[in-house]
């Protein structure tokens, strides 16, 4: 019999789950039918805590925002599903130059499994075909959000600067898509 002790079992389990998620993951452009799933994710207490705007979002405000994002040609709005369950969302919004700003949020139960990296990688592949002139991706993160900072660093984003966003300490990380994705 095979015995695996300690953290090796956890690492092995995460590896199997990540393989399952990679093979089962559906990443596609957001549609009107996703409005309530994205609304629920956006109002998750951990998502709100990590966001620059911490207040709960009303359904009316969310509907206006969501529909505007679906119509915005400068926003690539993607949703990730596994077995018809929302895993997360990722938005890549043009900033007026050769860059996009990224926003990503995942359901808590899928965090820490490595699946966020898969979602990010697939999103970058779609981005490269969607906006051919984009060179840089910028992530703006609360300085206190060490989990997100670690996530972006593990995925090739580099620290650029500290700044203030909505009266909160923040950091900017960048990823050069032309150097990183072949």
N, C-alpha and C. Protein backbone atom coordinates (compact mmCIF):
# COMPACT_ATOMS: atom_id res chain seq x y z
N UNK A 1 0.85 -1.19 0.00
CA UNK A 1 0.00 0.00 0.00
C UNK A 1 0.88 1.23 0.00
N UNK A 2 0.41 2.25 -0.70
CA UNK A 2 1.13 3.51 -0.79
C UNK A 2 0.69 4.42 0.35
N UNK A 3 1.64 4.94 1.09
CA UNK A 3 1.34 5.85 2.18
C UNK A 3 2.02 7.18 1.88
N UNK A 4 1.24 8.25 2.00
CA UNK A 4 1.78 9.58 1.79
C UNK A 4 1.57 10.35 3.08
N UNK A 5 2.64 10.88 3.63
CA UNK A 5 2.56 11.56 4.92
C UNK A 5 2.66 13.07 4.76
N UNK A 6 2.09 13.75 5.72
CA UNK A 6 2.27 15.20 5.83
C UNK A 6 1.73 15.99 4.66
N UNK A 7 2.45 17.06 4.32
CA UNK A 7 2.01 18.01 3.29
C UNK A 7 2.04 17.41 1.90
N UNK A 8 2.74 16.30 1.73
CA UNK A 8 2.79 15.65 0.42
C UNK A 8 1.41 15.23 -0.06
N UNK A 9 0.59 14.74 0.86
CA UNK A 9 -0.78 14.32 0.51
C UNK A 9 -1.60 15.52 0.06
N UNK A 10 -1.44 16.63 0.76
CA UNK A 10 -2.18 17.85 0.38
C UNK A 10 -1.73 18.32 -0.99
N UNK A 11 -0.42 18.33 -1.20
CA UNK A 11 0.13 18.77 -2.49
C UNK A 11 -0.37 17.86 -3.62
N UNK A 12 -0.38 16.56 -3.37
CA UNK A 12 -0.83 15.61 -4.38
C UNK A 12 -2.32 15.80 -4.68
N UNK A 13 -3.12 16.01 -3.64
CA UNK A 13 -4.56 16.23 -3.82
C UNK A 13 -4.81 17.50 -4.62
N UNK A 14 -4.10 18.56 -4.28
CA UNK A 14 -4.24 19.81 -5.04
C UNK A 14 -3.86 19.61 -6.50
N UNK A 15 -2.84 18.82 -6.75
CA UNK A 15 -2.42 18.54 -8.12
C UNK A 15 -3.50 17.83 -8.91
N UNK A 16 -4.13 16.84 -8.29
CA UNK A 16 -5.23 16.12 -8.96
C UNK A 16 -6.42 17.04 -9.20
N UNK A 17 -6.74 17.87 -8.21
CA UNK A 17 -7.87 18.79 -8.36
C UNK A 17 -7.57 19.81 -9.45
N UNK A 18 -6.34 20.31 -9.51
CA UNK A 18 -5.98 21.29 -10.52
C UNK A 18 -6.11 20.68 -11.91
N UNK A 19 -5.68 19.43 -12.08
CA UNK A 19 -5.82 18.75 -13.36
C UNK A 19 -7.29 18.63 -13.74
N UNK A 20 -8.13 18.26 -12.78
CA UNK A 20 -9.57 18.17 -13.03
C UNK A 20 -10.10 19.53 -13.47
N UNK A 21 -9.73 20.59 -12.72
CA UNK A 21 -10.24 21.92 -13.04
C UNK A 21 -9.76 22.38 -14.41
N UNK A 22 -8.50 22.14 -14.74
CA UNK A 22 -7.98 22.54 -16.04
C UNK A 22 -8.78 21.89 -17.17
N UNK A 23 -9.13 20.62 -16.99
CA UNK A 23 -9.85 19.90 -18.03
C UNK A 23 -11.33 20.25 -18.05
N UNK A 24 -11.89 20.72 -16.94
CA UNK A 24 -13.32 20.99 -16.84
C UNK A 24 -13.67 22.47 -16.98
N UNK A 25 -12.69 23.32 -16.91
CA UNK A 25 -12.91 24.76 -16.90
C UNK A 25 -13.44 25.28 -18.23
N UNK A 26 -14.49 26.08 -18.15
CA UNK A 26 -15.02 26.78 -19.31
C UNK A 26 -14.83 28.27 -19.03
N UNK A 27 -14.05 28.93 -19.87
CA UNK A 27 -13.82 30.37 -19.75
C UNK A 27 -14.38 31.00 -21.01
N UNK A 28 -15.34 31.91 -20.83
CA UNK A 28 -16.00 32.52 -21.98
C UNK A 28 -16.37 33.95 -21.65
N UNK A 29 -16.76 34.69 -22.72
CA UNK A 29 -17.22 36.06 -22.51
C UNK A 29 -18.50 36.02 -21.68
N UNK A 30 -18.62 36.99 -20.78
CA UNK A 30 -19.81 37.10 -19.95
C UNK A 30 -21.02 37.40 -20.83
N UNK A 31 -22.15 36.88 -20.39
CA UNK A 31 -23.43 37.09 -21.08
C UNK A 31 -24.44 37.60 -20.07
N UNK A 32 -25.57 38.10 -20.58
CA UNK A 32 -26.62 38.63 -19.71
C UNK A 32 -27.06 37.60 -18.67
N UNK A 33 -27.06 36.33 -19.03
CA UNK A 33 -27.51 35.29 -18.09
C UNK A 33 -26.58 35.12 -16.88
N UNK A 34 -25.39 35.69 -16.93
CA UNK A 34 -24.43 35.58 -15.82
C UNK A 34 -24.63 36.65 -14.74
N UNK A 35 -25.55 37.55 -14.95
CA UNK A 35 -25.69 38.73 -14.09
C UNK A 35 -25.84 38.37 -12.61
N UNK A 36 -26.67 37.41 -12.26
CA UNK A 36 -26.90 37.10 -10.85
C UNK A 36 -25.73 36.34 -10.23
N UNK A 37 -25.09 35.46 -11.00
CA UNK A 37 -23.91 34.76 -10.47
C UNK A 37 -22.78 35.74 -10.18
N UNK A 38 -22.55 36.68 -11.09
CA UNK A 38 -21.50 37.68 -10.89
C UNK A 38 -21.88 38.61 -9.74
N UNK A 39 -23.16 38.94 -9.64
CA UNK A 39 -23.63 39.78 -8.53
C UNK A 39 -23.33 39.12 -7.19
N UNK A 40 -23.66 37.85 -7.07
CA UNK A 40 -23.41 37.14 -5.81
C UNK A 40 -21.92 37.07 -5.49
N UNK A 41 -21.10 36.80 -6.50
CA UNK A 41 -19.65 36.77 -6.29
C UNK A 41 -19.14 38.15 -5.87
N UNK A 42 -19.62 39.18 -6.54
CA UNK A 42 -19.15 40.54 -6.25
C UNK A 42 -19.50 40.97 -4.83
N UNK A 43 -20.56 40.45 -4.27
CA UNK A 43 -20.97 40.81 -2.92
C UNK A 43 -20.47 39.83 -1.85
N UNK A 44 -19.68 38.86 -2.26
CA UNK A 44 -19.07 37.95 -1.28
C UNK A 44 -18.23 38.79 -0.31
N UNK A 45 -18.29 38.47 0.98
CA UNK A 45 -17.61 39.30 1.98
C UNK A 45 -16.10 39.38 1.73
N UNK A 46 -15.48 38.29 1.29
CA UNK A 46 -14.04 38.33 1.03
C UNK A 46 -13.71 39.15 -0.22
N UNK A 47 -14.57 39.08 -1.22
CA UNK A 47 -14.36 39.89 -2.43
C UNK A 47 -14.51 41.37 -2.09
N UNK A 48 -15.53 41.71 -1.31
CA UNK A 48 -15.72 43.11 -0.91
C UNK A 48 -14.53 43.58 -0.09
N UNK A 49 -14.03 42.75 0.79
CA UNK A 49 -12.88 43.12 1.64
C UNK A 49 -11.64 43.43 0.79
N UNK A 50 -11.46 42.71 -0.30
CA UNK A 50 -10.29 42.89 -1.16
C UNK A 50 -10.47 44.03 -2.15
N UNK A 51 -11.69 44.48 -2.35
CA UNK A 51 -11.98 45.53 -3.34
C UNK A 51 -11.72 46.92 -2.76
N UNK A 52 -11.47 47.85 -3.66
CA UNK A 52 -11.29 49.24 -3.22
C UNK A 52 -12.61 49.83 -2.76
N UNK A 53 -13.70 49.41 -3.35
CA UNK A 53 -15.04 49.80 -2.90
C UNK A 53 -15.59 48.69 -2.02
N UNK A 54 -15.66 48.91 -0.73
CA UNK A 54 -15.99 47.83 0.20
C UNK A 54 -17.48 47.69 0.47
N UNK A 55 -18.28 48.68 0.11
CA UNK A 55 -19.70 48.62 0.40
C UNK A 55 -20.40 47.56 -0.44
N UNK A 56 -21.43 46.96 0.15
CA UNK A 56 -22.26 46.00 -0.58
C UNK A 56 -22.87 46.70 -1.80
N UNK A 57 -22.95 45.97 -2.89
CA UNK A 57 -23.45 46.51 -4.15
C UNK A 57 -24.94 46.18 -4.25
N UNK A 58 -25.75 47.19 -4.57
CA UNK A 58 -27.18 46.94 -4.74
C UNK A 58 -27.41 46.25 -6.08
N UNK A 59 -28.47 45.49 -6.17
CA UNK A 59 -28.79 44.80 -7.43
C UNK A 59 -29.03 45.80 -8.55
N UNK A 60 -29.68 46.91 -8.25
CA UNK A 60 -29.95 47.93 -9.27
C UNK A 60 -28.63 48.47 -9.83
N UNK A 61 -27.72 48.84 -8.93
CA UNK A 61 -26.41 49.38 -9.36
C UNK A 61 -25.62 48.32 -10.13
N UNK A 62 -25.67 47.07 -9.66
CA UNK A 62 -24.95 45.99 -10.33
C UNK A 62 -25.48 45.79 -11.75
N UNK A 63 -26.80 45.79 -11.93
CA UNK A 63 -27.39 45.60 -13.26
C UNK A 63 -26.92 46.67 -14.23
N UNK A 64 -26.91 47.93 -13.76
CA UNK A 64 -26.44 49.03 -14.62
C UNK A 64 -24.98 48.83 -15.00
N UNK A 65 -24.15 48.52 -14.00
CA UNK A 65 -22.72 48.31 -14.23
C UNK A 65 -22.49 47.12 -15.15
N UNK A 66 -23.14 46.01 -14.85
CA UNK A 66 -22.95 44.77 -15.60
C UNK A 66 -23.31 44.97 -17.08
N UNK A 67 -24.48 45.55 -17.33
CA UNK A 67 -24.91 45.76 -18.71
C UNK A 67 -24.00 46.73 -19.45
N UNK A 68 -23.48 47.73 -18.75
CA UNK A 68 -22.53 48.66 -19.37
C UNK A 68 -21.24 47.93 -19.75
N UNK A 69 -20.75 47.05 -18.87
CA UNK A 69 -19.52 46.30 -19.16
C UNK A 69 -19.72 45.36 -20.34
N UNK A 70 -20.89 44.74 -20.46
CA UNK A 70 -21.14 43.84 -21.59
C UNK A 70 -21.11 44.60 -22.92
N UNK A 71 -21.50 45.87 -22.90
CA UNK A 71 -21.56 46.68 -24.13
C UNK A 71 -20.26 47.41 -24.43
N UNK A 72 -19.35 47.44 -23.48
CA UNK A 72 -18.12 48.22 -23.59
C UNK A 72 -17.09 47.48 -24.44
N UNK A 73 -16.74 48.04 -25.59
CA UNK A 73 -15.74 47.43 -26.47
C UNK A 73 -14.33 47.49 -25.89
N UNK A 74 -14.14 48.28 -24.84
CA UNK A 74 -12.84 48.38 -24.19
C UNK A 74 -12.73 47.46 -22.98
N UNK A 75 -13.71 46.58 -22.81
CA UNK A 75 -13.72 45.66 -21.67
C UNK A 75 -13.92 44.23 -22.16
N UNK A 76 -12.94 43.40 -21.90
CA UNK A 76 -13.06 41.96 -22.15
C UNK A 76 -13.46 41.35 -20.82
N UNK A 77 -14.73 40.96 -20.71
CA UNK A 77 -15.33 40.49 -19.47
C UNK A 77 -15.56 38.98 -19.61
N UNK A 78 -14.80 38.21 -18.84
CA UNK A 78 -14.85 36.75 -18.94
C UNK A 78 -15.37 36.14 -17.64
N UNK A 79 -16.05 35.02 -17.79
CA UNK A 79 -16.51 34.26 -16.62
C UNK A 79 -15.97 32.84 -16.75
N UNK A 80 -15.66 32.25 -15.61
CA UNK A 80 -15.13 30.89 -15.56
C UNK A 80 -16.15 30.00 -14.86
N UNK A 81 -16.47 28.90 -15.49
CA UNK A 81 -17.43 27.94 -14.93
C UNK A 81 -16.80 26.55 -14.89
N UNK A 82 -17.21 25.79 -13.89
CA UNK A 82 -16.90 24.36 -13.82
C UNK A 82 -18.21 23.66 -13.53
N UNK A 83 -18.57 22.76 -14.42
CA UNK A 83 -19.82 22.00 -14.28
C UNK A 83 -21.00 22.92 -13.99
N UNK A 84 -21.12 23.99 -14.78
CA UNK A 84 -22.22 24.97 -14.70
C UNK A 84 -22.27 25.75 -13.39
N UNK A 85 -21.16 25.77 -12.65
CA UNK A 85 -21.07 26.57 -11.43
C UNK A 85 -20.01 27.64 -11.64
N UNK A 86 -20.39 28.89 -11.30
CA UNK A 86 -19.44 29.99 -11.47
C UNK A 86 -18.24 29.80 -10.55
N UNK A 87 -17.08 29.80 -11.14
CA UNK A 87 -15.82 29.70 -10.41
C UNK A 87 -15.29 31.11 -10.12
N UNK A 88 -15.44 32.00 -11.12
CA UNK A 88 -14.94 33.36 -10.94
C UNK A 88 -15.15 34.20 -12.17
N UNK A 89 -14.65 35.42 -12.09
CA UNK A 89 -14.74 36.35 -13.21
C UNK A 89 -13.41 37.07 -13.36
N UNK A 90 -13.16 37.50 -14.58
CA UNK A 90 -11.94 38.26 -14.85
C UNK A 90 -12.29 39.32 -15.89
N UNK A 91 -11.87 40.55 -15.59
CA UNK A 91 -12.11 41.65 -16.53
C UNK A 91 -10.77 42.25 -16.92
N UNK A 92 -10.65 42.54 -18.21
CA UNK A 92 -9.47 43.18 -18.75
C UNK A 92 -9.97 44.42 -19.50
N UNK A 93 -9.65 45.60 -18.93
CA UNK A 93 -10.19 46.84 -19.47
C UNK A 93 -9.08 47.74 -19.98
N UNK A 94 -9.24 48.17 -21.22
CA UNK A 94 -8.26 49.08 -21.83
C UNK A 94 -8.14 50.35 -20.99
N UNK A 95 -6.92 50.87 -20.89
CA UNK A 95 -6.71 52.10 -20.12
C UNK A 95 -6.44 53.30 -21.01
N UNK A 96 -6.63 53.15 -22.32
CA UNK A 96 -6.42 54.25 -23.24
C UNK A 96 -5.09 54.19 -23.96
N UNK A 97 -4.15 53.40 -23.45
CA UNK A 97 -2.85 53.24 -24.11
C UNK A 97 -2.73 51.81 -24.60
N UNK A 98 -1.56 51.26 -24.53
CA UNK A 98 -1.33 49.88 -24.95
C UNK A 98 -1.43 48.91 -23.79
N UNK A 99 -2.21 49.30 -22.78
CA UNK A 99 -2.33 48.47 -21.58
C UNK A 99 -3.79 48.17 -21.26
N UNK A 100 -3.99 47.13 -20.45
CA UNK A 100 -5.30 46.85 -19.88
C UNK A 100 -5.12 46.72 -18.37
N UNK A 101 -6.19 47.06 -17.66
CA UNK A 101 -6.23 46.85 -16.22
C UNK A 101 -6.99 45.56 -15.96
N UNK A 102 -6.48 44.76 -15.06
CA UNK A 102 -7.07 43.45 -14.79
C UNK A 102 -7.77 43.45 -13.43
N UNK A 103 -8.89 42.77 -13.39
CA UNK A 103 -9.61 42.52 -12.15
C UNK A 103 -10.03 41.06 -12.18
N UNK A 104 -9.72 40.34 -11.13
CA UNK A 104 -10.07 38.92 -11.07
C UNK A 104 -10.62 38.61 -9.68
N UNK A 105 -11.66 37.81 -9.66
CA UNK A 105 -12.17 37.32 -8.37
C UNK A 105 -12.65 35.89 -8.55
N UNK A 106 -12.34 35.08 -7.54
CA UNK A 106 -12.71 33.67 -7.54
C UNK A 106 -13.54 33.35 -6.31
N UNK A 107 -14.43 32.38 -6.46
CA UNK A 107 -15.17 31.88 -5.30
C UNK A 107 -14.15 31.38 -4.27
N UNK A 108 -14.41 31.63 -3.03
CA UNK A 108 -13.49 31.26 -1.94
C UNK A 108 -13.09 29.78 -1.99
N UNK A 109 -14.06 28.90 -2.27
CA UNK A 109 -13.77 27.46 -2.23
C UNK A 109 -12.79 27.01 -3.32
N UNK A 110 -12.56 27.85 -4.33
CA UNK A 110 -11.63 27.50 -5.40
C UNK A 110 -10.26 28.16 -5.22
N UNK A 111 -10.10 28.99 -4.20
CA UNK A 111 -8.83 29.68 -3.99
C UNK A 111 -7.82 28.74 -3.34
N UNK A 112 -6.56 28.96 -3.64
CA UNK A 112 -5.49 28.17 -3.05
C UNK A 112 -5.26 26.82 -3.70
N UNK A 113 -5.95 26.56 -4.80
CA UNK A 113 -5.80 25.28 -5.49
C UNK A 113 -4.96 25.39 -6.77
N UNK A 114 -4.57 26.60 -7.11
CA UNK A 114 -3.80 26.80 -8.34
C UNK A 114 -4.68 27.04 -9.55
N UNK A 115 -6.00 26.95 -9.37
CA UNK A 115 -6.90 27.12 -10.50
C UNK A 115 -6.96 28.58 -10.97
N UNK A 116 -6.70 29.52 -10.07
CA UNK A 116 -6.66 30.93 -10.47
C UNK A 116 -5.61 31.19 -11.53
N UNK A 117 -4.49 30.49 -11.42
CA UNK A 117 -3.43 30.63 -12.42
C UNK A 117 -3.89 30.11 -13.77
N UNK A 118 -4.66 29.03 -13.76
CA UNK A 118 -5.20 28.48 -15.01
C UNK A 118 -6.17 29.46 -15.64
N UNK A 119 -7.05 30.03 -14.83
CA UNK A 119 -8.01 31.02 -15.33
C UNK A 119 -7.25 32.21 -15.92
N UNK A 120 -6.25 32.69 -15.21
CA UNK A 120 -5.47 33.83 -15.68
C UNK A 120 -4.78 33.51 -17.00
N UNK A 121 -4.13 32.37 -17.08
CA UNK A 121 -3.41 31.99 -18.30
C UNK A 121 -4.37 31.92 -19.50
N UNK A 122 -5.51 31.26 -19.30
CA UNK A 122 -6.48 31.16 -20.40
C UNK A 122 -7.02 32.53 -20.80
N UNK A 123 -7.23 33.39 -19.80
CA UNK A 123 -7.71 34.74 -20.09
C UNK A 123 -6.67 35.52 -20.90
N UNK A 124 -5.41 35.34 -20.59
CA UNK A 124 -4.35 36.05 -21.33
C UNK A 124 -4.26 35.55 -22.77
N UNK A 125 -4.53 34.27 -22.98
CA UNK A 125 -4.56 33.73 -24.35
C UNK A 125 -5.71 34.36 -25.15
N UNK A 126 -6.86 34.50 -24.51
CA UNK A 126 -8.00 35.14 -25.17
C UNK A 126 -7.70 36.61 -25.42
N UNK A 127 -7.14 37.28 -24.42
CA UNK A 127 -6.79 38.70 -24.54
C UNK A 127 -5.87 38.95 -25.72
N UNK A 128 -4.88 38.12 -25.86
CA UNK A 128 -3.89 38.30 -26.94
C UNK A 128 -4.56 38.30 -28.31
N UNK A 129 -5.60 37.51 -28.47
CA UNK A 129 -6.33 37.47 -29.75
C UNK A 129 -7.39 38.56 -29.85
N UNK A 130 -7.89 39.02 -28.72
CA UNK A 130 -8.97 40.00 -28.69
C UNK A 130 -8.46 41.42 -28.91
N UNK A 131 -7.41 41.80 -28.20
CA UNK A 131 -6.78 43.11 -28.34
C UNK A 131 -5.33 42.87 -28.76
N UNK A 132 -5.08 42.87 -30.02
CA UNK A 132 -3.76 42.51 -30.54
C UNK A 132 -2.68 43.56 -30.22
N UNK A 133 -3.09 44.78 -29.90
CA UNK A 133 -2.12 45.85 -29.64
C UNK A 133 -1.73 45.99 -28.16
N UNK A 134 -2.32 45.20 -27.30
CA UNK A 134 -2.02 45.31 -25.87
C UNK A 134 -0.65 44.72 -25.57
N UNK A 135 0.16 45.48 -24.83
CA UNK A 135 1.49 45.03 -24.45
C UNK A 135 1.60 44.76 -22.95
N UNK A 136 0.91 45.57 -22.14
CA UNK A 136 1.03 45.46 -20.68
C UNK A 136 -0.31 45.23 -20.03
N UNK A 137 -0.26 44.47 -18.95
CA UNK A 137 -1.43 44.26 -18.11
C UNK A 137 -1.08 44.82 -16.75
N UNK A 138 -1.97 45.65 -16.22
CA UNK A 138 -1.73 46.29 -14.92
C UNK A 138 -2.73 45.75 -13.90
N UNK A 139 -2.21 45.40 -12.74
CA UNK A 139 -3.05 44.97 -11.62
C UNK A 139 -2.87 45.98 -10.50
N UNK A 140 -3.99 46.53 -10.04
CA UNK A 140 -3.97 47.45 -8.90
C UNK A 140 -4.54 46.70 -7.70
N UNK A 141 -3.73 46.61 -6.65
CA UNK A 141 -4.06 45.75 -5.51
C UNK A 141 -3.89 46.54 -4.22
N UNK A 142 -4.81 46.33 -3.28
CA UNK A 142 -4.63 46.92 -1.96
C UNK A 142 -3.33 46.39 -1.37
N UNK A 143 -2.56 47.27 -0.78
CA UNK A 143 -1.26 46.88 -0.22
C UNK A 143 -1.42 45.81 0.87
N UNK A 144 -2.55 45.83 1.55
CA UNK A 144 -2.80 44.85 2.62
C UNK A 144 -3.25 43.48 2.08
N UNK A 145 -3.53 43.38 0.79
CA UNK A 145 -4.03 42.14 0.20
C UNK A 145 -2.83 41.27 -0.24
N UNK A 146 -2.17 40.69 0.72
CA UNK A 146 -0.96 39.93 0.44
C UNK A 146 -1.24 38.67 -0.40
N UNK A 147 -2.43 38.09 -0.27
CA UNK A 147 -2.76 36.90 -1.06
C UNK A 147 -2.80 37.25 -2.55
N UNK A 148 -3.41 38.37 -2.91
CA UNK A 148 -3.47 38.78 -4.32
C UNK A 148 -2.10 39.20 -4.83
N UNK A 149 -1.34 39.87 -4.00
CA UNK A 149 0.02 40.25 -4.41
C UNK A 149 0.83 38.99 -4.71
N UNK A 150 0.76 38.01 -3.83
CA UNK A 150 1.46 36.74 -4.06
C UNK A 150 0.99 36.05 -5.32
N UNK A 151 -0.33 36.05 -5.56
CA UNK A 151 -0.89 35.44 -6.76
C UNK A 151 -0.29 36.07 -8.02
N UNK A 152 -0.32 37.39 -8.09
CA UNK A 152 0.19 38.07 -9.28
C UNK A 152 1.70 37.86 -9.43
N UNK A 153 2.45 37.89 -8.33
CA UNK A 153 3.89 37.65 -8.41
C UNK A 153 4.18 36.24 -8.93
N UNK A 154 3.46 35.24 -8.42
CA UNK A 154 3.66 33.86 -8.88
C UNK A 154 3.32 33.69 -10.36
N UNK A 155 2.53 34.59 -10.89
CA UNK A 155 2.11 34.50 -12.28
C UNK A 155 2.83 35.49 -13.19
N UNK A 156 3.99 35.95 -12.76
CA UNK A 156 4.86 36.73 -13.63
C UNK A 156 4.67 38.23 -13.62
N UNK A 157 3.78 38.75 -12.79
CA UNK A 157 3.60 40.20 -12.69
C UNK A 157 4.72 40.76 -11.83
N UNK A 158 5.18 41.96 -12.18
CA UNK A 158 6.29 42.61 -11.48
C UNK A 158 5.82 43.90 -10.82
N UNK A 159 6.31 44.14 -9.62
CA UNK A 159 5.99 45.36 -8.88
C UNK A 159 6.46 46.57 -9.68
N UNK A 160 5.58 47.60 -9.78
CA UNK A 160 5.96 48.84 -10.46
C UNK A 160 6.02 50.03 -9.51
N UNK A 161 4.97 50.18 -8.67
CA UNK A 161 4.97 51.34 -7.78
C UNK A 161 3.88 51.22 -6.72
N UNK A 162 4.04 52.06 -5.69
CA UNK A 162 3.01 52.22 -4.68
C UNK A 162 2.20 53.46 -5.04
N UNK A 163 0.91 53.45 -4.69
CA UNK A 163 0.04 54.58 -4.97
C UNK A 163 -1.15 54.56 -4.01
N UNK A 164 -1.98 55.57 -4.10
CA UNK A 164 -3.20 55.67 -3.30
C UNK A 164 -4.38 55.55 -4.26
N UNK A 165 -5.33 54.65 -3.94
CA UNK A 165 -6.55 54.50 -4.72
C UNK A 165 -7.72 54.58 -3.75
N UNK A 166 -8.61 55.49 -3.99
CA UNK A 166 -9.78 55.70 -3.12
C UNK A 166 -9.37 55.78 -1.64
N UNK A 167 -8.34 56.58 -1.39
CA UNK A 167 -7.82 56.83 -0.04
C UNK A 167 -7.26 55.58 0.63
N UNK A 168 -6.83 54.61 -0.17
CA UNK A 168 -6.27 53.36 0.37
C UNK A 168 -4.90 53.11 -0.24
N UNK A 169 -3.97 52.60 0.58
CA UNK A 169 -2.64 52.26 0.08
C UNK A 169 -2.77 51.10 -0.91
N UNK A 170 -2.11 51.26 -2.04
CA UNK A 170 -2.21 50.26 -3.09
C UNK A 170 -0.86 50.07 -3.76
N UNK A 171 -0.77 49.01 -4.56
CA UNK A 171 0.41 48.75 -5.36
C UNK A 171 -0.02 48.45 -6.79
N UNK A 172 0.85 48.77 -7.71
CA UNK A 172 0.63 48.44 -9.11
C UNK A 172 1.63 47.38 -9.52
N UNK A 173 1.13 46.31 -10.12
CA UNK A 173 1.96 45.26 -10.70
C UNK A 173 1.69 45.24 -12.19
N UNK A 174 2.73 44.90 -12.98
CA UNK A 174 2.57 44.83 -14.43
C UNK A 174 3.09 43.52 -14.98
N UNK A 175 2.49 43.15 -16.08
CA UNK A 175 2.86 41.95 -16.81
C UNK A 175 3.03 42.35 -18.26
N UNK A 176 4.18 42.02 -18.86
CA UNK A 176 4.41 42.35 -20.27
C UNK A 176 4.00 41.14 -21.09
N UNK A 177 2.88 41.27 -21.76
CA UNK A 177 2.31 40.13 -22.50
C UNK A 177 3.16 39.75 -23.71
N UNK A 178 3.79 40.70 -24.36
CA UNK A 178 4.58 40.39 -25.55
C UNK A 178 5.85 39.60 -25.20
N UNK A 179 6.38 39.79 -24.01
CA UNK A 179 7.58 39.05 -23.60
C UNK A 179 7.25 37.69 -23.02
N UNK A 180 6.03 37.56 -22.48
CA UNK A 180 5.71 36.37 -21.69
C UNK A 180 4.93 35.29 -22.41
N UNK A 181 4.06 35.66 -23.32
CA UNK A 181 3.18 34.68 -23.97
C UNK A 181 3.59 34.52 -25.42
N UNK A 182 3.87 33.32 -25.79
CA UNK A 182 4.28 33.04 -27.17
C UNK A 182 3.14 32.42 -27.93
